[in-house]
N, C-alpha and C. Protein backbone atom coordinates (compact mmCIF):
# COMPACT_ATOMS: atom_id res chain seq x y z
N UNK A 1 -144.94 -199.23 210.74
CA UNK A 1 -143.87 -198.52 210.04
C UNK A 1 -143.03 -199.49 209.19
N UNK A 2 -142.68 -200.63 209.82
CA UNK A 2 -141.89 -201.63 209.12
C UNK A 2 -142.65 -202.20 207.93
N UNK A 3 -143.98 -202.36 208.14
CA UNK A 3 -144.81 -202.88 207.06
C UNK A 3 -144.82 -201.91 205.88
N UNK A 4 -144.88 -200.59 206.20
CA UNK A 4 -144.87 -199.58 205.16
C UNK A 4 -143.55 -199.58 204.39
N UNK A 5 -142.43 -199.72 205.12
CA UNK A 5 -141.12 -199.78 204.48
C UNK A 5 -141.01 -200.98 203.57
N UNK A 6 -141.48 -202.12 204.07
CA UNK A 6 -141.43 -203.33 203.25
C UNK A 6 -142.30 -203.19 202.00
N UNK A 7 -143.45 -202.52 202.16
CA UNK A 7 -144.34 -202.30 201.03
C UNK A 7 -143.68 -201.40 199.99
N UNK A 8 -143.02 -200.32 200.44
CA UNK A 8 -142.32 -199.41 199.52
C UNK A 8 -141.18 -200.13 198.81
N UNK A 9 -140.46 -200.95 199.57
CA UNK A 9 -139.35 -201.69 198.99
C UNK A 9 -139.85 -202.65 197.90
N UNK A 10 -140.94 -203.35 198.21
CA UNK A 10 -141.50 -204.29 197.24
C UNK A 10 -141.98 -203.55 195.99
N UNK A 11 -142.58 -202.36 196.20
CA UNK A 11 -143.07 -201.57 195.07
C UNK A 11 -141.91 -201.18 194.14
N UNK A 12 -140.83 -200.64 194.74
CA UNK A 12 -139.71 -200.18 193.92
C UNK A 12 -138.96 -201.34 193.27
N UNK A 13 -138.82 -202.45 194.00
CA UNK A 13 -138.16 -203.61 193.42
C UNK A 13 -138.93 -204.14 192.22
N UNK A 14 -140.26 -204.16 192.36
CA UNK A 14 -141.10 -204.64 191.27
C UNK A 14 -140.87 -203.82 190.00
N UNK A 15 -140.87 -202.48 190.17
CA UNK A 15 -140.71 -201.61 189.00
C UNK A 15 -139.28 -201.61 188.48
N UNK A 16 -138.31 -201.72 189.37
CA UNK A 16 -136.92 -201.80 188.93
C UNK A 16 -136.67 -203.07 188.13
N UNK A 17 -137.19 -204.19 188.62
CA UNK A 17 -137.05 -205.45 187.87
C UNK A 17 -137.70 -205.34 186.50
N UNK A 18 -138.89 -204.72 186.48
CA UNK A 18 -139.60 -204.60 185.22
C UNK A 18 -138.80 -203.80 184.20
N UNK A 19 -138.32 -202.61 184.60
CA UNK A 19 -137.57 -201.77 183.67
C UNK A 19 -136.21 -202.37 183.34
N UNK A 20 -135.66 -203.12 184.30
CA UNK A 20 -134.36 -203.75 184.06
C UNK A 20 -134.47 -204.81 182.96
N UNK A 21 -135.48 -205.68 183.06
CA UNK A 21 -135.58 -206.74 182.04
C UNK A 21 -136.07 -206.19 180.71
N UNK A 22 -136.93 -205.17 180.73
CA UNK A 22 -137.39 -204.58 179.47
C UNK A 22 -136.23 -203.92 178.74
N UNK A 23 -135.42 -203.15 179.47
CA UNK A 23 -134.28 -202.47 178.83
C UNK A 23 -133.23 -203.47 178.38
N UNK A 24 -133.04 -204.56 179.17
CA UNK A 24 -132.05 -205.57 178.76
C UNK A 24 -132.50 -206.28 177.49
N UNK A 25 -133.80 -206.54 177.37
CA UNK A 25 -134.32 -207.18 176.16
C UNK A 25 -134.18 -206.26 174.96
N UNK A 26 -134.43 -204.96 175.17
CA UNK A 26 -134.39 -203.99 174.07
C UNK A 26 -132.98 -203.79 173.53
N UNK A 27 -131.98 -203.85 174.43
CA UNK A 27 -130.62 -203.55 173.98
C UNK A 27 -129.70 -204.77 173.96
N UNK A 28 -130.27 -205.99 174.09
CA UNK A 28 -129.45 -207.19 174.16
C UNK A 28 -128.58 -207.36 172.92
N UNK A 29 -129.20 -207.36 171.74
CA UNK A 29 -128.45 -207.57 170.50
C UNK A 29 -127.44 -206.45 170.30
N UNK A 30 -127.88 -205.21 170.59
CA UNK A 30 -126.97 -204.07 170.46
C UNK A 30 -125.77 -204.18 171.37
N UNK A 31 -125.98 -204.64 172.61
CA UNK A 31 -124.87 -204.78 173.55
C UNK A 31 -123.90 -205.86 173.10
N UNK A 32 -124.44 -206.96 172.58
CA UNK A 32 -123.56 -208.02 172.05
C UNK A 32 -122.74 -207.51 170.87
N UNK A 33 -123.41 -206.78 169.97
CA UNK A 33 -122.72 -206.22 168.81
C UNK A 33 -121.63 -205.25 169.23
N UNK A 34 -121.96 -204.34 170.16
CA UNK A 34 -121.00 -203.33 170.55
C UNK A 34 -119.87 -203.91 171.39
N UNK A 35 -120.15 -204.95 172.16
CA UNK A 35 -119.07 -205.61 172.91
C UNK A 35 -118.12 -206.31 171.94
N UNK A 36 -118.68 -206.99 170.93
CA UNK A 36 -117.84 -207.70 169.96
C UNK A 36 -117.01 -206.72 169.14
N UNK A 37 -117.65 -205.64 168.66
CA UNK A 37 -116.92 -204.66 167.86
C UNK A 37 -115.93 -203.87 168.71
N UNK A 38 -116.17 -203.81 170.02
CA UNK A 38 -115.16 -203.20 170.89
C UNK A 38 -113.86 -204.00 170.84
N UNK A 39 -113.99 -205.34 170.77
CA UNK A 39 -112.80 -206.19 170.67
C UNK A 39 -112.14 -206.01 169.31
N UNK A 40 -112.95 -206.01 168.23
CA UNK A 40 -112.36 -205.87 166.90
C UNK A 40 -111.72 -204.51 166.70
N UNK A 41 -112.30 -203.46 167.27
CA UNK A 41 -111.70 -202.13 167.16
C UNK A 41 -110.40 -202.06 167.95
N UNK A 42 -110.40 -202.64 169.15
CA UNK A 42 -109.23 -202.58 170.00
C UNK A 42 -108.07 -203.40 169.44
N UNK A 43 -108.39 -204.38 168.59
CA UNK A 43 -107.35 -205.24 168.01
C UNK A 43 -107.29 -205.11 166.49
N UNK A 44 -107.64 -203.92 166.00
CA UNK A 44 -107.71 -203.70 164.55
C UNK A 44 -106.36 -203.97 163.88
N UNK A 45 -105.26 -203.69 164.56
CA UNK A 45 -103.93 -203.90 163.96
C UNK A 45 -103.61 -205.37 163.77
N UNK A 46 -104.30 -206.25 164.51
CA UNK A 46 -104.02 -207.68 164.42
C UNK A 46 -104.98 -208.41 163.50
N UNK A 47 -105.97 -207.69 162.98
CA UNK A 47 -106.95 -208.31 162.10
C UNK A 47 -106.66 -207.85 160.67
N UNK A 48 -106.14 -208.75 159.87
CA UNK A 48 -105.76 -208.39 158.51
C UNK A 48 -107.01 -208.25 157.63
N UNK A 49 -106.99 -207.22 156.82
CA UNK A 49 -108.10 -207.00 155.90
C UNK A 49 -107.54 -206.40 154.61
N UNK A 50 -107.68 -207.12 153.53
CA UNK A 50 -107.20 -206.63 152.24
C UNK A 50 -108.35 -205.97 151.50
N UNK A 51 -108.24 -204.65 151.25
CA UNK A 51 -109.33 -203.95 150.56
C UNK A 51 -109.54 -204.51 149.15
N UNK A 52 -110.79 -204.64 148.76
CA UNK A 52 -111.15 -205.04 147.40
C UNK A 52 -111.62 -203.80 146.65
N UNK A 53 -110.95 -203.49 145.55
CA UNK A 53 -111.26 -202.29 144.78
C UNK A 53 -111.90 -202.69 143.46
N UNK A 54 -113.05 -202.10 143.18
CA UNK A 54 -113.71 -202.33 141.89
C UNK A 54 -113.96 -201.00 141.21
N UNK A 55 -113.87 -201.03 139.87
CA UNK A 55 -114.04 -199.80 139.09
C UNK A 55 -115.08 -200.02 137.99
N UNK A 56 -115.80 -198.95 137.68
CA UNK A 56 -116.78 -198.99 136.60
C UNK A 56 -116.70 -197.68 135.82
N UNK A 57 -117.03 -197.76 134.55
CA UNK A 57 -117.00 -196.56 133.71
C UNK A 57 -118.27 -196.50 132.87
N UNK A 58 -118.58 -195.31 132.41
CA UNK A 58 -119.72 -195.09 131.53
C UNK A 58 -119.51 -193.75 130.84
N UNK A 59 -120.36 -193.43 129.90
CA UNK A 59 -120.29 -192.13 129.22
C UNK A 59 -121.69 -191.52 129.17
N UNK A 60 -121.81 -190.32 129.70
CA UNK A 60 -123.10 -189.64 129.72
C UNK A 60 -123.51 -189.30 128.29
N UNK A 61 -124.74 -189.65 127.88
CA UNK A 61 -125.19 -189.33 126.52
C UNK A 61 -125.27 -187.82 126.29
N UNK A 62 -125.14 -187.43 125.03
CA UNK A 62 -125.06 -186.01 124.66
C UNK A 62 -126.22 -185.16 125.19
N UNK A 63 -127.49 -185.62 125.09
CA UNK A 63 -128.58 -184.77 125.60
C UNK A 63 -128.45 -184.44 127.09
N UNK A 64 -127.91 -185.37 127.88
CA UNK A 64 -127.75 -185.13 129.32
C UNK A 64 -126.46 -184.39 129.62
N UNK A 65 -125.49 -184.51 128.73
CA UNK A 65 -124.20 -183.86 128.96
C UNK A 65 -124.35 -182.35 129.08
N UNK A 66 -125.33 -181.79 128.35
CA UNK A 66 -125.54 -180.35 128.41
C UNK A 66 -125.91 -179.89 129.82
N UNK A 67 -126.56 -180.80 130.59
CA UNK A 67 -126.96 -180.44 131.95
C UNK A 67 -125.76 -180.21 132.86
N UNK A 68 -124.72 -181.01 132.68
CA UNK A 68 -123.56 -180.84 133.56
C UNK A 68 -122.54 -179.86 132.98
N UNK A 69 -122.74 -179.46 131.73
CA UNK A 69 -121.86 -178.42 131.17
C UNK A 69 -122.34 -177.03 131.57
N UNK A 70 -123.57 -176.96 132.06
CA UNK A 70 -124.11 -175.70 132.57
C UNK A 70 -123.71 -175.54 134.03
N UNK A 71 -123.09 -174.41 134.36
CA UNK A 71 -122.64 -174.17 135.73
C UNK A 71 -123.83 -174.08 136.68
N UNK A 72 -123.77 -174.80 137.81
CA UNK A 72 -124.86 -174.73 138.78
C UNK A 72 -124.78 -173.45 139.61
N UNK A 73 -125.87 -173.13 140.29
CA UNK A 73 -125.88 -171.94 141.14
C UNK A 73 -124.97 -172.13 142.35
N UNK A 74 -124.79 -173.38 142.75
CA UNK A 74 -123.96 -173.71 143.92
C UNK A 74 -122.93 -174.75 143.51
N UNK A 75 -121.65 -174.50 143.83
CA UNK A 75 -120.62 -175.46 143.43
C UNK A 75 -120.60 -176.72 144.28
N UNK A 76 -121.57 -176.84 145.21
CA UNK A 76 -121.75 -178.07 145.99
C UNK A 76 -123.08 -178.73 145.65
N UNK A 77 -123.66 -178.34 144.53
CA UNK A 77 -124.99 -178.84 144.17
C UNK A 77 -124.94 -180.31 143.77
N UNK A 78 -126.09 -180.97 143.90
CA UNK A 78 -126.22 -182.35 143.43
C UNK A 78 -126.34 -182.34 141.91
N UNK A 79 -126.13 -183.49 141.32
CA UNK A 79 -126.30 -183.62 139.88
C UNK A 79 -127.77 -183.39 139.52
N UNK A 80 -128.05 -182.83 138.32
CA UNK A 80 -129.44 -182.74 137.86
C UNK A 80 -130.10 -184.11 137.90
N UNK A 81 -131.38 -184.14 138.21
CA UNK A 81 -132.06 -185.41 138.46
C UNK A 81 -131.94 -186.40 137.30
N UNK A 82 -132.17 -185.92 136.09
CA UNK A 82 -132.13 -186.83 134.94
C UNK A 82 -130.74 -187.43 134.78
N UNK A 83 -129.71 -186.60 134.96
CA UNK A 83 -128.32 -187.10 134.85
C UNK A 83 -128.01 -188.06 135.99
N UNK A 84 -128.44 -187.69 137.20
CA UNK A 84 -128.19 -188.56 138.36
C UNK A 84 -128.86 -189.91 138.18
N UNK A 85 -130.09 -189.91 137.65
CA UNK A 85 -130.80 -191.18 137.43
C UNK A 85 -130.08 -192.03 136.39
N UNK A 86 -129.64 -191.39 135.29
CA UNK A 86 -128.97 -192.16 134.24
C UNK A 86 -127.65 -192.74 134.73
N UNK A 87 -126.83 -191.90 135.36
CA UNK A 87 -125.54 -192.37 135.86
C UNK A 87 -125.73 -193.43 136.94
N UNK A 88 -126.71 -193.21 137.82
CA UNK A 88 -126.98 -194.19 138.88
C UNK A 88 -127.35 -195.55 138.32
N UNK A 89 -128.18 -195.57 137.27
CA UNK A 89 -128.57 -196.84 136.65
C UNK A 89 -127.39 -197.48 135.91
N UNK A 90 -126.59 -196.64 135.26
CA UNK A 90 -125.46 -197.17 134.48
C UNK A 90 -124.37 -197.74 135.38
N UNK A 91 -124.14 -197.10 136.51
CA UNK A 91 -123.05 -197.51 137.41
C UNK A 91 -123.55 -198.46 138.50
N UNK A 92 -124.83 -198.31 138.88
CA UNK A 92 -125.37 -199.14 139.95
C UNK A 92 -125.22 -198.53 141.32
N UNK A 93 -125.38 -197.20 141.41
CA UNK A 93 -125.29 -196.52 142.69
C UNK A 93 -126.45 -195.53 142.80
N UNK A 94 -126.74 -195.10 144.03
CA UNK A 94 -127.79 -194.13 144.29
C UNK A 94 -127.17 -192.74 144.38
N UNK A 95 -127.56 -191.85 143.46
CA UNK A 95 -126.96 -190.51 143.41
C UNK A 95 -127.95 -189.40 143.73
N UNK A 96 -129.19 -189.73 143.97
CA UNK A 96 -130.19 -188.70 144.23
C UNK A 96 -129.81 -187.87 145.45
N UNK A 97 -129.77 -186.56 145.26
CA UNK A 97 -129.49 -185.59 146.34
C UNK A 97 -128.09 -185.72 146.94
N UNK A 98 -127.20 -186.43 146.27
CA UNK A 98 -125.82 -186.51 146.74
C UNK A 98 -125.07 -185.25 146.31
N UNK A 99 -124.52 -184.48 147.25
CA UNK A 99 -123.82 -183.25 146.86
C UNK A 99 -122.58 -183.55 146.05
N UNK A 100 -122.28 -182.69 145.09
CA UNK A 100 -121.09 -182.85 144.27
C UNK A 100 -120.13 -181.68 144.47
N UNK A 101 -118.94 -181.85 143.98
CA UNK A 101 -117.95 -180.77 143.99
C UNK A 101 -117.69 -180.39 142.53
N UNK A 102 -118.19 -179.23 142.14
CA UNK A 102 -118.14 -178.80 140.74
C UNK A 102 -116.91 -177.94 140.50
N UNK A 103 -116.14 -178.31 139.49
CA UNK A 103 -115.03 -177.48 139.03
C UNK A 103 -115.21 -177.25 137.53
N UNK A 104 -114.32 -176.51 136.92
CA UNK A 104 -114.45 -176.24 135.49
C UNK A 104 -114.33 -177.52 134.67
N UNK A 105 -113.54 -178.48 135.16
CA UNK A 105 -113.27 -179.69 134.36
C UNK A 105 -114.18 -180.86 134.70
N UNK A 106 -114.64 -180.98 135.95
CA UNK A 106 -115.32 -182.20 136.35
C UNK A 106 -116.29 -181.97 137.50
N UNK A 107 -117.09 -183.00 137.73
CA UNK A 107 -117.95 -183.06 138.92
C UNK A 107 -117.50 -184.27 139.73
N UNK A 108 -117.16 -184.04 141.00
CA UNK A 108 -116.70 -185.12 141.87
C UNK A 108 -117.77 -185.37 142.93
N UNK A 109 -118.18 -186.62 143.07
CA UNK A 109 -119.18 -187.00 144.06
C UNK A 109 -118.57 -188.02 145.01
N UNK A 110 -118.51 -187.67 146.29
CA UNK A 110 -117.99 -188.59 147.31
C UNK A 110 -119.13 -189.46 147.82
N UNK A 111 -118.88 -190.76 147.91
CA UNK A 111 -119.92 -191.72 148.31
C UNK A 111 -119.41 -192.63 149.44
N UNK A 112 -119.09 -192.03 150.60
CA UNK A 112 -118.57 -192.86 151.71
C UNK A 112 -119.64 -193.81 152.22
N UNK A 113 -119.19 -194.93 152.77
CA UNK A 113 -120.10 -195.95 153.29
C UNK A 113 -119.42 -196.71 154.40
N UNK A 114 -120.19 -197.37 155.28
CA UNK A 114 -119.55 -198.18 156.31
C UNK A 114 -118.76 -199.33 155.70
N UNK A 115 -117.56 -199.53 156.18
CA UNK A 115 -116.74 -200.64 155.70
C UNK A 115 -116.06 -200.39 154.39
N UNK A 116 -116.07 -199.16 153.93
CA UNK A 116 -115.42 -198.88 152.65
C UNK A 116 -115.57 -197.44 152.24
N UNK A 117 -115.32 -197.20 150.99
CA UNK A 117 -115.39 -195.84 150.46
C UNK A 117 -115.69 -195.93 148.97
N UNK A 118 -116.21 -194.86 148.41
CA UNK A 118 -116.48 -194.83 146.97
C UNK A 118 -116.50 -193.38 146.50
N UNK A 119 -116.21 -193.20 145.25
CA UNK A 119 -116.29 -191.87 144.65
C UNK A 119 -116.60 -192.00 143.17
N UNK A 120 -117.09 -190.90 142.62
CA UNK A 120 -117.47 -190.88 141.22
C UNK A 120 -117.07 -189.53 140.62
N UNK A 121 -116.49 -189.56 139.44
CA UNK A 121 -116.06 -188.35 138.75
C UNK A 121 -116.66 -188.34 137.35
N UNK A 122 -117.24 -187.19 136.97
CA UNK A 122 -117.77 -187.03 135.62
C UNK A 122 -117.01 -185.89 134.93
N UNK A 123 -116.42 -186.19 133.79
CA UNK A 123 -115.74 -185.18 132.99
C UNK A 123 -116.81 -184.31 132.32
N UNK A 124 -116.80 -183.02 132.58
CA UNK A 124 -117.85 -182.13 132.08
C UNK A 124 -117.74 -181.89 130.57
N UNK A 125 -116.60 -182.15 130.01
CA UNK A 125 -116.41 -181.95 128.57
C UNK A 125 -116.80 -183.18 127.77
N UNK A 126 -116.27 -184.34 128.17
CA UNK A 126 -116.50 -185.56 127.40
C UNK A 126 -117.67 -186.41 127.91
N UNK A 127 -118.06 -186.19 129.19
CA UNK A 127 -119.12 -187.00 129.78
C UNK A 127 -118.64 -188.34 130.30
N UNK A 128 -117.33 -188.55 130.31
CA UNK A 128 -116.79 -189.82 130.82
C UNK A 128 -117.02 -189.93 132.32
N UNK A 129 -117.52 -191.08 132.75
CA UNK A 129 -117.80 -191.32 134.17
C UNK A 129 -116.84 -192.39 134.68
N UNK A 130 -116.18 -192.09 135.78
CA UNK A 130 -115.31 -193.07 136.45
C UNK A 130 -115.78 -193.25 137.88
N UNK A 131 -116.02 -194.49 138.24
CA UNK A 131 -116.50 -194.83 139.58
C UNK A 131 -115.56 -195.85 140.20
N UNK A 132 -115.23 -195.64 141.48
CA UNK A 132 -114.36 -196.58 142.19
C UNK A 132 -114.95 -196.89 143.56
N UNK A 133 -115.02 -198.17 143.88
CA UNK A 133 -115.54 -198.64 145.16
C UNK A 133 -114.45 -199.43 145.87
N UNK A 134 -114.20 -199.08 147.13
CA UNK A 134 -113.26 -199.82 147.97
C UNK A 134 -114.02 -200.50 149.10
N UNK A 135 -113.93 -201.82 149.18
CA UNK A 135 -114.59 -202.60 150.22
C UNK A 135 -113.52 -203.17 151.14
N UNK A 136 -113.55 -202.78 152.42
CA UNK A 136 -112.53 -203.22 153.37
C UNK A 136 -112.95 -204.43 154.20
N UNK A 137 -114.06 -205.06 153.85
CA UNK A 137 -114.45 -206.29 154.52
C UNK A 137 -115.46 -206.10 155.63
N UNK A 138 -115.97 -207.24 156.13
CA UNK A 138 -117.05 -207.21 157.11
C UNK A 138 -116.60 -206.69 158.46
N UNK A 139 -115.34 -206.92 158.84
CA UNK A 139 -114.87 -206.42 160.14
C UNK A 139 -114.88 -204.89 160.13
N UNK A 140 -114.39 -204.31 159.04
CA UNK A 140 -114.42 -202.86 158.92
C UNK A 140 -115.86 -202.35 158.90
N UNK A 141 -116.75 -203.13 158.30
CA UNK A 141 -118.16 -202.74 158.23
C UNK A 141 -118.77 -202.65 159.63
N UNK A 142 -118.61 -203.70 160.43
CA UNK A 142 -119.22 -203.67 161.77
C UNK A 142 -118.51 -202.67 162.68
N UNK A 143 -117.21 -202.44 162.45
CA UNK A 143 -116.51 -201.41 163.22
C UNK A 143 -117.11 -200.03 162.94
N UNK A 144 -117.43 -199.77 161.68
CA UNK A 144 -118.04 -198.49 161.33
C UNK A 144 -119.46 -198.39 161.89
N UNK A 145 -120.17 -199.51 161.99
CA UNK A 145 -121.47 -199.49 162.65
C UNK A 145 -121.31 -199.08 164.10
N UNK A 146 -120.28 -199.58 164.76
CA UNK A 146 -119.99 -199.24 166.16
C UNK A 146 -119.77 -197.74 166.30
N UNK A 147 -119.03 -197.17 165.37
CA UNK A 147 -118.69 -195.74 165.44
C UNK A 147 -119.76 -194.84 164.83
N UNK A 148 -120.73 -195.43 164.14
CA UNK A 148 -121.74 -194.63 163.47
C UNK A 148 -121.17 -193.86 162.29
N UNK A 149 -120.13 -194.40 161.66
CA UNK A 149 -119.44 -193.70 160.57
C UNK A 149 -120.14 -193.96 159.23
N UNK A 150 -120.61 -192.89 158.63
CA UNK A 150 -121.25 -192.97 157.30
C UNK A 150 -122.41 -193.97 157.27
N UNK A 151 -123.20 -193.99 158.33
CA UNK A 151 -124.27 -194.99 158.44
C UNK A 151 -125.67 -194.42 158.22
N UNK A 152 -125.80 -193.11 158.11
CA UNK A 152 -127.10 -192.52 157.83
C UNK A 152 -127.93 -192.21 159.06
N UNK A 153 -129.07 -191.57 158.81
CA UNK A 153 -129.93 -191.07 159.89
C UNK A 153 -130.58 -192.20 160.68
N UNK A 154 -131.06 -193.24 160.00
CA UNK A 154 -131.77 -194.32 160.69
C UNK A 154 -130.86 -195.00 161.72
N UNK A 155 -129.61 -195.30 161.33
CA UNK A 155 -128.70 -195.94 162.27
C UNK A 155 -128.32 -194.99 163.40
N UNK A 156 -128.22 -193.70 163.11
CA UNK A 156 -127.93 -192.71 164.15
C UNK A 156 -129.03 -192.70 165.20
N UNK A 157 -130.29 -192.78 164.75
CA UNK A 157 -131.41 -192.87 165.69
C UNK A 157 -131.35 -194.15 166.51
N UNK A 158 -130.99 -195.25 165.85
CA UNK A 158 -130.87 -196.52 166.58
C UNK A 158 -129.82 -196.41 167.68
N UNK A 159 -128.68 -195.79 167.37
CA UNK A 159 -127.62 -195.65 168.38
C UNK A 159 -128.11 -194.84 169.58
N UNK A 160 -128.86 -193.77 169.32
CA UNK A 160 -129.38 -192.95 170.42
C UNK A 160 -130.36 -193.73 171.28
N UNK A 161 -131.28 -194.45 170.62
CA UNK A 161 -132.27 -195.23 171.36
C UNK A 161 -131.60 -196.36 172.14
N UNK A 162 -130.64 -197.03 171.49
CA UNK A 162 -129.89 -198.08 172.17
C UNK A 162 -129.16 -197.54 173.39
N UNK A 163 -128.56 -196.36 173.27
CA UNK A 163 -127.82 -195.76 174.39
C UNK A 163 -128.75 -195.47 175.56
N UNK A 164 -129.96 -194.97 175.27
CA UNK A 164 -130.93 -194.70 176.34
C UNK A 164 -131.32 -196.01 177.02
N UNK A 165 -131.57 -197.07 176.24
CA UNK A 165 -131.93 -198.37 176.82
C UNK A 165 -130.80 -198.91 177.68
N UNK A 166 -129.55 -198.74 177.22
CA UNK A 166 -128.40 -199.22 178.00
C UNK A 166 -128.26 -198.44 179.30
N UNK A 167 -128.54 -197.12 179.26
CA UNK A 167 -128.51 -196.31 180.49
C UNK A 167 -129.57 -196.78 181.48
N UNK A 168 -130.78 -197.04 180.97
CA UNK A 168 -131.85 -197.53 181.85
C UNK A 168 -131.45 -198.87 182.46
N UNK A 169 -130.89 -199.75 181.65
CA UNK A 169 -130.45 -201.07 182.12
C UNK A 169 -129.41 -200.92 183.24
N UNK A 170 -128.43 -200.04 183.03
CA UNK A 170 -127.34 -199.88 184.00
C UNK A 170 -127.82 -199.20 185.28
N UNK A 171 -128.64 -198.16 185.14
CA UNK A 171 -129.10 -197.41 186.32
C UNK A 171 -130.05 -198.24 187.17
N UNK A 172 -130.97 -198.96 186.51
CA UNK A 172 -131.87 -199.83 187.30
C UNK A 172 -131.08 -200.94 187.97
N UNK A 173 -130.05 -201.44 187.30
CA UNK A 173 -129.19 -202.45 187.92
C UNK A 173 -128.48 -201.91 189.15
N UNK A 174 -128.03 -200.64 189.07
CA UNK A 174 -127.36 -200.03 190.22
C UNK A 174 -128.31 -199.89 191.40
N UNK A 175 -129.53 -199.45 191.14
CA UNK A 175 -130.51 -199.33 192.23
C UNK A 175 -130.86 -200.68 192.83
N UNK A 176 -130.95 -201.70 191.99
CA UNK A 176 -131.22 -203.04 192.51
C UNK A 176 -130.07 -203.54 193.36
N UNK A 177 -128.83 -203.22 192.95
CA UNK A 177 -127.68 -203.57 193.77
C UNK A 177 -127.76 -202.91 195.14
N UNK A 178 -128.13 -201.63 195.13
CA UNK A 178 -128.19 -200.91 196.40
C UNK A 178 -129.24 -201.49 197.33
N UNK A 179 -130.34 -201.98 196.76
CA UNK A 179 -131.42 -202.54 197.59
C UNK A 179 -131.07 -203.93 198.12
N UNK A 180 -130.16 -204.63 197.44
CA UNK A 180 -129.76 -205.96 197.90
C UNK A 180 -128.40 -205.95 198.61
N UNK A 181 -127.76 -204.79 198.67
CA UNK A 181 -126.40 -204.73 199.19
C UNK A 181 -126.29 -205.16 200.65
N UNK A 182 -127.35 -204.95 201.43
CA UNK A 182 -127.31 -205.31 202.84
C UNK A 182 -127.07 -206.80 203.06
N UNK A 183 -127.56 -207.63 202.15
CA UNK A 183 -127.40 -209.08 202.26
C UNK A 183 -126.22 -209.62 201.46
N UNK A 184 -125.55 -208.70 200.72
CA UNK A 184 -124.43 -209.11 199.88
C UNK A 184 -123.26 -208.16 200.11
N UNK A 185 -122.41 -208.47 201.10
CA UNK A 185 -121.34 -207.55 201.50
C UNK A 185 -120.35 -207.22 200.37
N UNK A 186 -120.24 -208.08 199.39
CA UNK A 186 -119.25 -207.83 198.33
C UNK A 186 -119.75 -206.86 197.26
N UNK A 187 -121.01 -206.43 197.38
CA UNK A 187 -121.60 -205.59 196.33
C UNK A 187 -120.81 -204.32 196.09
N UNK A 188 -120.63 -203.50 197.12
CA UNK A 188 -120.00 -202.19 196.90
C UNK A 188 -118.50 -202.28 196.63
N UNK A 189 -117.78 -203.24 197.24
CA UNK A 189 -116.38 -203.41 196.82
C UNK A 189 -116.24 -203.73 195.33
N UNK A 190 -117.13 -204.56 194.79
CA UNK A 190 -117.07 -204.89 193.37
C UNK A 190 -117.43 -203.69 192.50
N UNK A 191 -118.45 -202.94 192.94
CA UNK A 191 -118.80 -201.71 192.21
C UNK A 191 -117.64 -200.73 192.25
N UNK A 192 -117.00 -200.64 193.41
CA UNK A 192 -115.86 -199.74 193.55
C UNK A 192 -114.71 -200.14 192.63
N UNK A 193 -114.47 -201.46 192.51
CA UNK A 193 -113.42 -201.93 191.60
C UNK A 193 -113.74 -201.54 190.15
N UNK A 194 -115.02 -201.62 189.80
CA UNK A 194 -115.43 -201.25 188.46
C UNK A 194 -115.18 -199.78 188.16
N UNK A 195 -115.12 -198.96 189.19
CA UNK A 195 -114.82 -197.53 189.02
C UNK A 195 -113.32 -197.28 189.10
N UNK A 196 -112.66 -197.91 190.08
CA UNK A 196 -111.26 -197.62 190.35
C UNK A 196 -110.33 -198.15 189.26
N UNK A 197 -110.58 -199.38 188.79
CA UNK A 197 -109.66 -199.98 187.81
C UNK A 197 -109.52 -199.14 186.54
N UNK A 198 -110.63 -198.74 185.85
CA UNK A 198 -110.44 -197.90 184.67
C UNK A 198 -109.82 -196.55 185.00
N UNK A 199 -110.14 -196.00 186.19
CA UNK A 199 -109.57 -194.71 186.58
C UNK A 199 -108.07 -194.82 186.75
N UNK A 200 -107.61 -195.89 187.40
CA UNK A 200 -106.17 -196.09 187.59
C UNK A 200 -105.47 -196.28 186.25
N UNK A 201 -106.08 -197.06 185.36
CA UNK A 201 -105.49 -197.28 184.04
C UNK A 201 -105.36 -195.97 183.26
N UNK A 202 -106.38 -195.12 183.36
CA UNK A 202 -106.34 -193.83 182.67
C UNK A 202 -105.21 -192.96 183.23
N UNK A 203 -105.10 -192.92 184.55
CA UNK A 203 -104.12 -192.05 185.19
C UNK A 203 -102.68 -192.54 184.94
N UNK A 204 -102.48 -193.85 185.02
CA UNK A 204 -101.11 -194.38 184.95
C UNK A 204 -100.63 -194.71 183.54
N UNK A 205 -101.53 -195.13 182.68
CA UNK A 205 -101.06 -195.70 181.42
C UNK A 205 -101.52 -194.96 180.16
N UNK A 206 -102.43 -193.99 180.31
CA UNK A 206 -102.87 -193.23 179.13
C UNK A 206 -102.33 -191.82 179.22
N UNK A 207 -101.58 -191.42 178.19
CA UNK A 207 -100.96 -190.09 178.21
C UNK A 207 -101.46 -189.30 177.00
């Protein structure tokens, strides 16, 4: 019976170690990034960042101007492809399939991005294009990566996969703690502190 128990224990420990190190390797860089950005987010008021604003202008040529003078079927439609390509090349931005806000006077395109913001306005009568980009620096950039703000589908998938790897890492670590706890009396008191301390802080100091 004891031999069987030892065999089962060895089997589970082997697999727990395997999944623990695989998950830790998979999410190592992500955990370092998210731990660092947790500090920068928590101390955002103490980290000075002066936004850099740049502006660009252009004028849509007459043949393309007719495309934006024609009312679209949807007032949230993207710019016509030919116009979007021309403006994108002239300004240096990607406008394909970017929804716009169409009014009688202008087309407004919002272009949010991590670490900053941007927008573009086209006058439907004159074809004048005004583009403004605000860059809030690298700290704001990595903070937005942490929050998944304006980062796109690929980064959203990365966050989900990273979260699953971090859960596997934490859960396998907990099971390994439980299997070694008999020889390490301080195991459960330390785990308990990890639960109690944030709970007490939430109850007493967060309103």
